[in-house]
Structures are given as structure tokens and as C-alpha cells.
Protein backbone atom coordinates (compact mmCIF):
# COMPACT_ATOMS: atom_id res chain seq x y z
CA MET A 1 4.71 -10.67 -14.07
CA GLY A 2 5.55 -14.10 -13.22
CA LEU A 3 3.62 -14.59 -9.91
CA PRO A 4 3.99 -17.31 -7.78
CA ILE A 5 0.64 -19.48 -7.75
CA VAL A 6 -0.40 -22.37 -6.05
CA VAL A 7 -3.47 -24.10 -6.28
CA VAL A 8 -4.68 -25.89 -3.51
CA ASP A 9 -8.00 -27.57 -2.25
CA ALA A 10 -9.86 -25.24 0.34
CA PHE A 11 -11.88 -27.18 2.69
CA THR A 12 -10.62 -30.63 2.59
CA ASP A 13 -8.14 -32.72 4.08
CA THR A 14 -8.68 -34.82 1.13
CA ARG A 15 -7.06 -34.21 -2.32
CA PHE A 16 -9.53 -33.03 -4.90
CA ARG A 17 -12.44 -33.52 -2.79
CA GLY A 18 -13.06 -29.51 -1.61
CA ASN A 19 -12.91 -26.58 -4.37
CA PRO A 20 -10.31 -26.10 -5.94
CA ALA A 21 -8.57 -22.67 -5.01
CA ALA A 22 -6.03 -20.01 -6.29
CA VAL A 23 -3.26 -18.74 -3.56
CA CYS A 24 -1.39 -15.86 -5.48
CA VAL A 25 1.17 -15.04 -3.35
CA LEU A 26 2.40 -10.67 -4.05
CA PRO A 27 5.55 -8.92 -3.53
CA GLU A 28 3.59 -5.58 -2.39
CA GLY A 29 0.46 -4.27 -2.24
CA ARG A 30 -1.64 -4.28 -5.63
CA ASP A 31 -5.07 -2.47 -6.03
CA ASP A 32 -8.38 -3.95 -6.01
CA GLN A 33 -8.41 -4.12 -9.92
CA PHE A 34 -5.49 -6.05 -10.29
CA MET A 35 -6.51 -8.82 -8.23
CA LYS A 36 -9.54 -9.30 -9.95
CA ASP A 37 -7.76 -9.57 -13.43
CA VAL A 38 -5.90 -12.50 -11.61
CA ALA A 39 -8.76 -14.15 -10.13
CA ARG A 40 -10.20 -13.93 -13.86
CA GLU A 41 -7.65 -15.24 -15.48
CA MET A 42 -7.19 -18.50 -12.67
CA ASN A 43 -10.92 -18.97 -13.28
CA LEU A 44 -11.38 -20.74 -10.32
CA SER A 45 -14.00 -20.24 -7.76
CA GLU A 46 -12.06 -18.60 -4.99
CA THR A 47 -8.89 -16.70 -5.11
CA ALA A 48 -6.79 -16.16 -2.45
CA PHE A 49 -3.88 -13.12 -2.28
CA LEU A 50 -1.23 -13.39 0.81
CA LEU A 51 -1.52 -9.68 2.03
CA ARG A 52 1.49 -8.28 4.58
CA ASP A 53 0.97 -11.05 7.27
CA GLY A 54 -2.25 -12.80 6.20
CA TYR A 55 -4.43 -14.67 4.16
CA LEU A 56 -7.64 -13.27 2.66
CA VAL A 57 -9.84 -15.97 0.57
CA GLU A 58 -12.53 -14.50 -0.76
CA VAL A 59 -15.82 -17.22 -1.82
CA ALA A 60 -18.79 -16.98 -3.93
CA SER A 61 -21.36 -17.35 -1.07
CA GLU A 62 -22.07 -16.18 2.27
CA ASP A 63 -23.41 -19.91 2.57
CA ILE A 64 -19.66 -21.15 1.91
CA VAL A 65 -18.11 -18.59 4.38
CA ARG A 66 -21.04 -19.97 7.01
CA LYS A 67 -20.40 -23.53 5.95
CA ALA A 68 -16.81 -23.74 6.57
CA VAL A 69 -15.49 -26.41 8.46
CA PRO A 70 -11.44 -25.07 8.94
CA ASN A 71 -8.90 -27.55 9.20
CA HIS A 72 -7.44 -26.18 12.15
CA PRO A 73 -3.72 -28.36 12.66
CA LEU A 74 -3.02 -27.08 9.32
CA LEU A 75 -4.29 -24.19 9.98
CA ARG A 76 -1.74 -23.59 12.02
CA THR A 77 0.87 -24.49 10.01
CA VAL A 78 0.47 -21.71 7.69
CA GLN A 79 2.89 -18.78 8.58
CA ALA A 80 0.81 -15.71 8.76
CA ARG A 81 -1.43 -13.88 11.50
CA GLY A 82 -4.77 -15.73 9.94
CA VAL A 83 -6.75 -16.59 7.18
CA ILE A 84 -9.68 -14.54 6.54
CA VAL A 85 -12.76 -16.10 4.72
CA THR A 86 -14.99 -13.41 3.32
CA SER A 87 -17.88 -13.25 0.61
CA PRO A 88 -20.36 -9.82 -0.52
CA SER A 89 -23.73 -11.16 1.74
CA SER A 90 -26.70 -12.60 0.81
CA SER A 91 -28.36 -11.34 4.03
CA PRO A 92 -30.16 -7.57 3.57
CA GLY A 93 -28.58 -4.55 5.02
CA PHE A 94 -24.92 -6.29 4.78
CA ASP A 95 -21.85 -6.05 2.50
CA PHE A 96 -20.03 -9.36 3.41
CA VAL A 97 -20.14 -11.59 5.71
CA SER A 98 -16.45 -12.80 7.47
CA ARG A 99 -14.32 -15.37 9.42
CA PHE A 100 -11.43 -14.95 10.77
CA PHE A 101 -8.96 -17.99 11.73
CA ALA A 102 -5.80 -17.10 13.47
CA PRO A 103 -5.00 -20.78 14.96
CA GLY A 104 -1.23 -20.34 14.92
CA SER A 105 -1.46 -17.34 17.03
CA GLY A 106 -3.56 -19.85 19.64
CA ILE A 107 -7.35 -19.10 18.47
CA ASP A 108 -9.06 -21.21 15.99
CA GLU A 109 -11.66 -19.09 15.18
CA ASP A 110 -12.22 -15.49 16.18
CA PRO A 111 -16.42 -14.51 16.54
CA VAL A 112 -16.33 -11.32 16.00
CA THR A 113 -13.62 -11.53 13.29
CA GLY A 114 -10.73 -9.69 15.12
CA ILE A 115 -8.58 -7.48 13.41
CA ALA A 116 -10.21 -8.64 10.16
């Protein structure tokens, strides 16, 4: 299946200065194994999938999620409800950490992750 996949520089305004990430647009919902297989094939630190009306970006560590500095003017151009950045948690008692950005909806960052 020929999936549209774009490689972008995540978390930067300057080309080739961020983390390379793959963005894969799915024509329909897929199971976790399919997405893991695509991510493994891309062999990049992050792979995001367009899911219905938003993006889910899974990164390698909680530290990346916490230190991410989003470019809100650029995010306002994304045609989606929002962008979720998530990773497995390294903090005891938690499975994952997430941040939710929806500047196109008038919310730069929802401090409680909103609909995420």
C-alpha cells in the first residue's frame, strides 16, 4: 500500500536542526501493530500518524515531551483539531505523559491535555 509519508524536522524552526520525524497519513484507522511496523520501517526517533482530526506524535522519552518548545504560529497552520505529543513515562506510577496543543482552535496548550 502506498502510504503518503513525509519526513519533517520536529521541534525546530531551522531545517535539519530538530529531530527527524515521519508523518504518515492513514486513509483509515489501523491497529497498533500496523503503526509500530510503519514506525520501525521508517527508522526515525519519532513517527506521527494523522488520526481522523489530529496528530499523535510519540517520542522516545518523557524528557522530550516535557522539554518540547512548540512553534505555535506554525502549529496554527495545521489543519487539525490538535497535536498530542506523548511518550512512555519514566515516572513511577504513570504509564505515559502527554501534552496537547491546539493553537488552530485558539488554545496554544491545554494544561490538562483536553480531549487527548
